[in-house]
Amino acid sequence: MKKLYLSEADKKIGGVCGGIAEYFEVDSTIIRLAWLLVTIFTAMFGGVIAYLIAWAVIPPRQRIM
């Protein structure tokens, strides 16, 4: 069963877009562009709020030592 985690390898700010891209097995650039469009078309409010909520809710991947 797949789980959604913040990306450690493919992150620009918090790893949200990279984590979503890893989960859906698509290029992270596509997710980032979609997120940018949502942010622009919602006058910055929807995209920024959604990103902050996703960053707070999506757990980081636990490192195994």
PDB file of N, CA and C in Angstrom:
ATOM      1  N   MET A   1       0.834  -1.173   0.000  1.00  0.00           N
ATOM      2  CA  MET A   1       0.000   0.000   0.000  1.00  0.00           C
ATOM      3  C   MET A   1       0.888   1.250   0.000  1.00  0.00           C
ATOM      4  N   LYS A   2       0.626   2.145  -0.958  1.00  0.00           N
ATOM      5  CA  LYS A   2       1.422   3.363  -1.063  1.00  0.00           C
ATOM      6  C   LYS A   2       0.964   4.381  -0.033  1.00  0.00           C
ATOM      7  N   LYS A   3       1.928   5.159   0.461  1.00  0.00           N
ATOM      8  CA  LYS A   3       1.611   6.233   1.389  1.00  0.00           C
ATOM      9  C   LYS A   3       2.237   7.516   0.880  1.00  0.00           C
ATOM     10  N   LEU A   4       1.594   8.617   1.199  1.00  0.00           N
ATOM     11  CA  LEU A   4       2.063   9.929   0.784  1.00  0.00           C
ATOM     12  C   LEU A   4       2.986  10.496   1.851  1.00  0.00           C
ATOM     13  N   TYR A   5       4.189  10.888   1.436  1.00  0.00           N
ATOM     14  CA  TYR A   5       5.172  11.493   2.325  1.00  0.00           C
ATOM     15  C   TYR A   5       5.740  12.737   1.667  1.00  0.00           C
ATOM     16  N   LEU A   6       6.275  13.644   2.481  1.00  0.00           N
ATOM     17  CA  LEU A   6       7.033  14.761   1.945  1.00  0.00           C
ATOM     18  C   LEU A   6       8.298  14.212   1.307  1.00  0.00           C
ATOM     19  N   SER A   7       8.704  14.786   0.205  1.00  0.00           N
ATOM     20  CA  SER A   7       9.891  14.309  -0.486  1.00  0.00           C
ATOM     21  C   SER A   7      11.142  14.900   0.146  1.00  0.00           C
ATOM     22  N   GLU A   8      12.121  14.064   0.376  1.00  0.00           N
ATOM     23  CA  GLU A   8      13.419  14.530   0.865  1.00  0.00           C
ATOM     24  C   GLU A   8      14.366  14.823  -0.294  1.00  0.00           C
ATOM     25  N   ALA A   9      14.214  14.079  -1.377  1.00  0.00           N
ATOM     26  CA  ALA A   9      15.131  14.196  -2.511  1.00  0.00           C
ATOM     27  C   ALA A   9      14.710  15.273  -3.501  1.00  0.00           C
ATOM     28  N   ASP A  10      13.406  15.483  -3.660  1.00  0.00           N
ATOM     29  CA  ASP A  10      12.904  16.388  -4.689  1.00  0.00           C
ATOM     30  C   ASP A  10      12.061  17.480  -4.038  1.00  0.00           C
ATOM     31  N   LYS A  11      12.743  18.361  -3.299  1.00  0.00           N
ATOM     32  CA  LYS A  11      11.992  19.428  -2.655  1.00  0.00           C
ATOM     33  C   LYS A  11      12.622  20.775  -2.946  1.00  0.00           C
ATOM     34  N   LYS A  12      11.758  21.767  -3.088  1.00  0.00           N
ATOM     35  CA  LYS A  12      12.195  23.143  -3.292  1.00  0.00           C
ATOM     36  C   LYS A  12      11.939  23.954  -2.028  1.00  0.00           C
ATOM     37  N   ILE A  13      10.758  23.786  -1.436  1.00  0.00           N
ATOM     38  CA  ILE A  13      10.419  24.501  -0.202  1.00  0.00           C
ATOM     39  C   ILE A  13      10.204  23.486   0.917  1.00  0.00           C
ATOM     40  N   GLY A  14       9.098  22.768   0.844  1.00  0.00           N
ATOM     41  CA  GLY A  14       8.775  21.832   1.914  1.00  0.00           C
ATOM     42  C   GLY A  14       8.715  20.386   1.487  1.00  0.00           C
ATOM     43  N   GLY A  15       8.784  20.125   0.189  1.00  0.00           N
ATOM     44  CA  GLY A  15       8.716  18.758  -0.307  1.00  0.00           C
ATOM     45  C   GLY A  15       7.318  18.284  -0.638  1.00  0.00           C
ATOM     46  N   VAL A  16       6.339  19.190  -0.605  1.00  0.00           N
ATOM     47  CA  VAL A  16       4.952  18.808  -0.865  1.00  0.00           C
ATOM     48  C   VAL A  16       4.772  18.363  -2.316  1.00  0.00           C
ATOM     49  N   CYS A  17       5.162  19.194  -3.261  1.00  0.00           N
ATOM     50  CA  CYS A  17       4.983  18.856  -4.681  1.00  0.00           C
ATOM     51  C   CYS A  17       5.811  17.634  -5.069  1.00  0.00           C
ATOM     52  N   GLY A  18       7.024  17.535  -4.561  1.00  0.00           N
ATOM     53  CA  GLY A  18       7.854  16.369  -4.829  1.00  0.00           C
ATOM     54  C   GLY A  18       7.241  15.099  -4.269  1.00  0.00           C
ATOM     55  N   GLY A  19       6.660  15.182  -3.080  1.00  0.00           N
ATOM     56  CA  GLY A  19       6.010  14.030  -2.463  1.00  0.00           C
ATOM     57  C   GLY A  19       4.774  13.590  -3.228  1.00  0.00           C
ATOM     58  N   ILE A  20       3.980  14.558  -3.680  1.00  0.00           N
ATOM     59  CA  ILE A  20       2.798  14.232  -4.475  1.00  0.00           C
ATOM     60  C   ILE A  20       3.217  13.596  -5.800  1.00  0.00           C
ATOM     61  N   ALA A  21       4.278  14.117  -6.405  1.00  0.00           N
ATOM     62  CA  ALA A  21       4.776  13.556  -7.660  1.00  0.00           C
ATOM     63  C   ALA A  21       5.277  12.127  -7.469  1.00  0.00           C
ATOM     64  N   GLU A  22       5.967  11.865  -6.372  1.00  0.00           N
ATOM     65  CA  GLU A  22       6.435  10.504  -6.091  1.00  0.00           C
ATOM     66  C   GLU A  22       5.245   9.563  -5.879  1.00  0.00           C
ATOM     67  N   TYR A  23       4.221  10.029  -5.195  1.00  0.00           N
ATOM     68  CA  TYR A  23       3.047   9.207  -4.917  1.00  0.00           C
ATOM     69  C   TYR A  23       2.324   8.808  -6.203  1.00  0.00           C
ATOM     70  N   PHE A  24       2.141   9.786  -7.109  1.00  0.00           N
ATOM     71  CA  PHE A  24       1.434   9.509  -8.360  1.00  0.00           C
ATOM     72  C   PHE A  24       2.360   9.061  -9.487  1.00  0.00           C
ATOM     73  N   GLU A  25       3.659   8.979  -9.212  1.00  0.00           N
ATOM     74  CA  GLU A  25       4.674   8.540 -10.165  1.00  0.00           C
ATOM     75  C   GLU A  25       4.654   9.368 -11.446  1.00  0.00           C
ATOM     76  N   VAL A  26       4.657  10.699 -11.273  1.00  0.00           N
ATOM     77  CA  VAL A  26       4.743  11.635 -12.389  1.00  0.00           C
ATOM     78  C   VAL A  26       5.901  12.591 -12.121  1.00  0.00           C
ATOM     79  N   ASP A  27       6.241  13.362 -13.126  1.00  0.00           N
ATOM     80  CA  ASP A  27       7.320  14.335 -12.991  1.00  0.00           C
ATOM     81  C   ASP A  27       6.877  15.456 -12.043  1.00  0.00           C
ATOM     82  N   SER A  28       7.760  15.839 -11.149  1.00  0.00           N
ATOM     83  CA  SER A  28       7.407  16.872 -10.175  1.00  0.00           C
ATOM     84  C   SER A  28       7.175  18.228 -10.826  1.00  0.00           C
ATOM     85  N   THR A  29       7.735  18.456 -12.003  1.00  0.00           N
ATOM     86  CA  THR A  29       7.515  19.715 -12.709  1.00  0.00           C
ATOM     87  C   THR A  29       6.038  19.880 -13.068  1.00  0.00           C
ATOM     88  N   ILE A  30       5.375  18.806 -13.436  1.00  0.00           N
ATOM     89  CA  ILE A  30       3.954  18.863 -13.767  1.00  0.00           C
ATOM     90  C   ILE A  30       3.146  19.260 -12.536  1.00  0.00           C
ATOM     91  N   ILE A  31       3.458  18.685 -11.399  1.00  0.00           N
ATOM     92  CA  ILE A  31       2.755  19.014 -10.154  1.00  0.00           C
ATOM     93  C   ILE A  31       3.018  20.468  -9.774  1.00  0.00           C
ATOM     94  N   ARG A  32       4.261  20.904  -9.909  1.00  0.00           N
ATOM     95  CA  ARG A  32       4.589  22.291  -9.562  1.00  0.00           C
ATOM     96  C   ARG A  32       3.882  23.286 -10.483  1.00  0.00           C
ATOM     97  N   LEU A  33       3.804  22.980 -11.765  1.00  0.00           N
ATOM     98  CA  LEU A  33       3.093  23.864 -12.690  1.00  0.00           C
ATOM     99  C   LEU A  33       1.599  23.904 -12.386  1.00  0.00           C
ATOM    100  N   ALA A  34       1.016  22.770 -12.069  1.00  0.00           N
ATOM    101  CA  ALA A  34      -0.398  22.728 -11.713  1.00  0.00           C
ATOM    102  C   ALA A  34      -0.637  23.545 -10.443  1.00  0.00           C
ATOM    103  N   TRP A  35       0.246  23.408  -9.476  1.00  0.00           N
ATOM    104  CA  TRP A  35       0.118  24.154  -8.228  1.00  0.00           C
ATOM    105  C   TRP A  35       0.257  25.656  -8.485  1.00  0.00           C
ATOM    106  N   LEU A  36       1.160  26.020  -9.376  1.00  0.00           N
ATOM    107  CA  LEU A  36       1.337  27.424  -9.737  1.00  0.00           C
ATOM    108  C   LEU A  36       0.075  27.987 -10.390  1.00  0.00           C
ATOM    109  N   LEU A  37      -0.544  27.216 -11.278  1.00  0.00           N
ATOM    110  CA  LEU A  37      -1.778  27.660 -11.917  1.00  0.00           C
ATOM    111  C   LEU A  37      -2.907  27.836 -10.903  1.00  0.00           C
ATOM    112  N   VAL A  38      -3.027  26.905  -9.979  1.00  0.00           N
ATOM    113  CA  VAL A  38      -4.042  27.032  -8.929  1.00  0.00           C
ATOM    114  C   VAL A  38      -3.786  28.286  -8.102  1.00  0.00           C
ATOM    115  N   THR A  39      -2.529  28.530  -7.792  1.00  0.00           N
ATOM    116  CA  THR A  39      -2.177  29.702  -7.000  1.00  0.00           C
ATOM    117  C   THR A  39      -2.505  30.989  -7.749  1.00  0.00           C
ATOM    118  N   ILE A  40      -2.185  31.046  -9.034  1.00  0.00           N
ATOM    119  CA  ILE A  40      -2.466  32.248  -9.829  1.00  0.00           C
ATOM    120  C   ILE A  40      -3.959  32.473  -9.978  1.00  0.00           C
ATOM    121  N   PHE A  41      -4.708  31.430 -10.298  1.00  0.00           N
ATOM    122  CA  PHE A  41      -6.132  31.583 -10.561  1.00  0.00           C
ATOM    123  C   PHE A  41      -6.975  31.775  -9.299  1.00  0.00           C
ATOM    124  N   THR A  42      -6.405  31.555  -8.140  1.00  0.00           N
ATOM    125  CA  THR A  42      -7.128  31.820  -6.897  1.00  0.00           C
ATOM    126  C   THR A  42      -6.576  33.065  -6.205  1.00  0.00           C
ATOM    127  N   ALA A  43      -5.920  33.904  -6.965  1.00  0.00           N
ATOM    128  CA  ALA A  43      -5.360  35.168  -6.458  1.00  0.00           C
ATOM    129  C   ALA A  43      -4.424  34.933  -5.278  1.00  0.00           C
ATOM    130  N   MET A  44      -3.596  33.912  -5.376  1.00  0.00           N
ATOM    131  CA  MET A  44      -2.583  33.545  -4.394  1.00  0.00           C
ATOM    132  C   MET A  44      -3.156  32.901  -3.127  1.00  0.00           C
ATOM    133  N   PHE A  45      -4.414  33.096  -2.848  1.00  0.00           N
ATOM    134  CA  PHE A  45      -4.982  32.622  -1.586  1.00  0.00           C
ATOM    135  C   PHE A  45      -5.082  31.104  -1.517  1.00  0.00           C
ATOM    136  N   GLY A  46      -5.765  30.503  -2.492  1.00  0.00           N
ATOM    137  CA  GLY A  46      -6.024  29.062  -2.450  1.00  0.00           C
ATOM    138  C   GLY A  46      -4.768  28.212  -2.524  1.00  0.00           C
ATOM    139  N   GLY A  47      -3.866  28.551  -3.430  1.00  0.00           N
ATOM    140  CA  GLY A  47      -2.652  27.760  -3.600  1.00  0.00           C
ATOM    141  C   GLY A  47      -1.724  27.829  -2.405  1.00  0.00           C
ATOM    142  N   VAL A  48      -1.570  29.017  -1.849  1.00  0.00           N
ATOM    143  CA  VAL A  48      -0.677  29.187  -0.702  1.00  0.00           C
ATOM    144  C   VAL A  48      -1.251  28.512   0.536  1.00  0.00           C
ATOM    145  N   ILE A  49      -2.529  28.704   0.779  1.00  0.00           N
ATOM    146  CA  ILE A  49      -3.171  28.071   1.939  1.00  0.00           C
ATOM    147  C   ILE A  49      -3.139  26.552   1.806  1.00  0.00           C
ATOM    148  N   ALA A  50      -3.445  26.041   0.612  1.00  0.00           N
ATOM    149  CA  ALA A  50      -3.426  24.588   0.385  1.00  0.00           C
ATOM    150  C   ALA A  50      -2.016  24.028   0.590  1.00  0.00           C
ATOM    151  N   TYR A  51      -0.996  24.751   0.125  1.00  0.00           N
ATOM    152  CA  TYR A  51       0.384  24.284   0.297  1.00  0.00           C
ATOM    153  C   TYR A  51       0.742  24.223   1.780  1.00  0.00           C
ATOM    154  N   LEU A  52       0.406  25.261   2.528  1.00  0.00           N
ATOM    155  CA  LEU A  52       0.728  25.282   3.955  1.00  0.00           C
ATOM    156  C   LEU A  52       0.001  24.170   4.711  1.00  0.00           C
ATOM    157  N   ILE A  53      -1.259  23.932   4.358  1.00  0.00           N
ATOM    158  CA  ILE A  53      -2.002  22.849   5.002  1.00  0.00           C
ATOM    159  C   ILE A  53      -1.390  21.497   4.647  1.00  0.00           C
ATOM    160  N   ALA A  54      -1.050  21.299   3.364  1.00  0.00           N
ATOM    161  CA  ALA A  54      -0.436  20.036   2.938  1.00  0.00           C
ATOM    162  C   ALA A  54       0.900  19.828   3.634  1.00  0.00           C
ATOM    163  N   TRP A  55       1.684  20.889   3.769  1.00  0.00           N
ATOM    164  CA  TRP A  55       2.984  20.811   4.435  1.00  0.00           C
ATOM    165  C   TRP A  55       2.813  20.398   5.900  1.00  0.00           C
ATOM    166  N   ALA A  56       1.764  20.883   6.534  1.00  0.00           N
ATOM    167  CA  ALA A  56       1.523  20.558   7.935  1.00  0.00           C
ATOM    168  C   ALA A  56       0.941  19.157   8.117  1.00  0.00           C
ATOM    169  N   VAL A  57       0.180  18.672   7.133  1.00  0.00           N
ATOM    170  CA  VAL A  57      -0.549  17.405   7.286  1.00  0.00           C
ATOM    171  C   VAL A  57       0.244  16.203   6.779  1.00  0.00           C
ATOM    172  N   ILE A  58       0.948  16.353   5.673  1.00  0.00           N
ATOM    173  CA  ILE A  58       1.685  15.217   5.086  1.00  0.00           C
ATOM    174  C   ILE A  58       2.919  14.931   5.940  1.00  0.00           C
ATOM    175  N   PRO A  59       3.074  13.706   6.394  1.00  0.00           N
ATOM    176  CA  PRO A  59       4.208  13.399   7.266  1.00  0.00           C
ATOM    177  C   PRO A  59       5.505  13.222   6.486  1.00  0.00           C
ATOM    178  N   PRO A  60       6.638  13.514   7.125  1.00  0.00           N
ATOM    179  CA  PRO A  60       7.922  13.218   6.488  1.00  0.00           C
ATOM    180  C   PRO A  60       8.190  11.709   6.521  1.00  0.00           C
ATOM    181  N   ARG A  61       8.986  11.249   5.588  1.00  0.00           N
ATOM    182  CA  ARG A  61       9.360   9.827   5.568  1.00  0.00           C
ATOM    183  C   ARG A  61      10.313   9.565   6.714  1.00  0.00           C
ATOM    184  N   GLN A  62      10.066   8.514   7.464  1.00  0.00           N
ATOM    185  CA  GLN A  62      10.925   8.174   8.591  1.00  0.00           C
ATOM    186  C   GLN A  62      12.231   7.587   8.091  1.00  0.00           C
ATOM    187  N   ARG A  63      13.310   8.091   8.596  1.00  0.00           N
ATOM    188  CA  ARG A  63      14.633   7.586   8.201  1.00  0.00           C
ATOM    189  C   ARG A  63      14.961   6.348   9.005  1.00  0.00           C
ATOM    190  N   ILE A  64      15.462   5.328   8.325  1.00  0.00           N
ATOM    191  CA  ILE A  64      15.856   4.085   8.987  1.00  0.00           C
ATOM    192  C   ILE A  64      17.373   4.091   9.092  1.00  0.00           C
ATOM    193  N   MET A  65      17.874   3.945  10.295  1.00  0.00           N
ATOM    194  CA  MET A  65      19.330   3.957  10.504  1.00  0.00           C
ATOM    195  C   MET A  65      19.863   2.581  10.720  1.00  0.00           C
TER     196      MET A  65
END
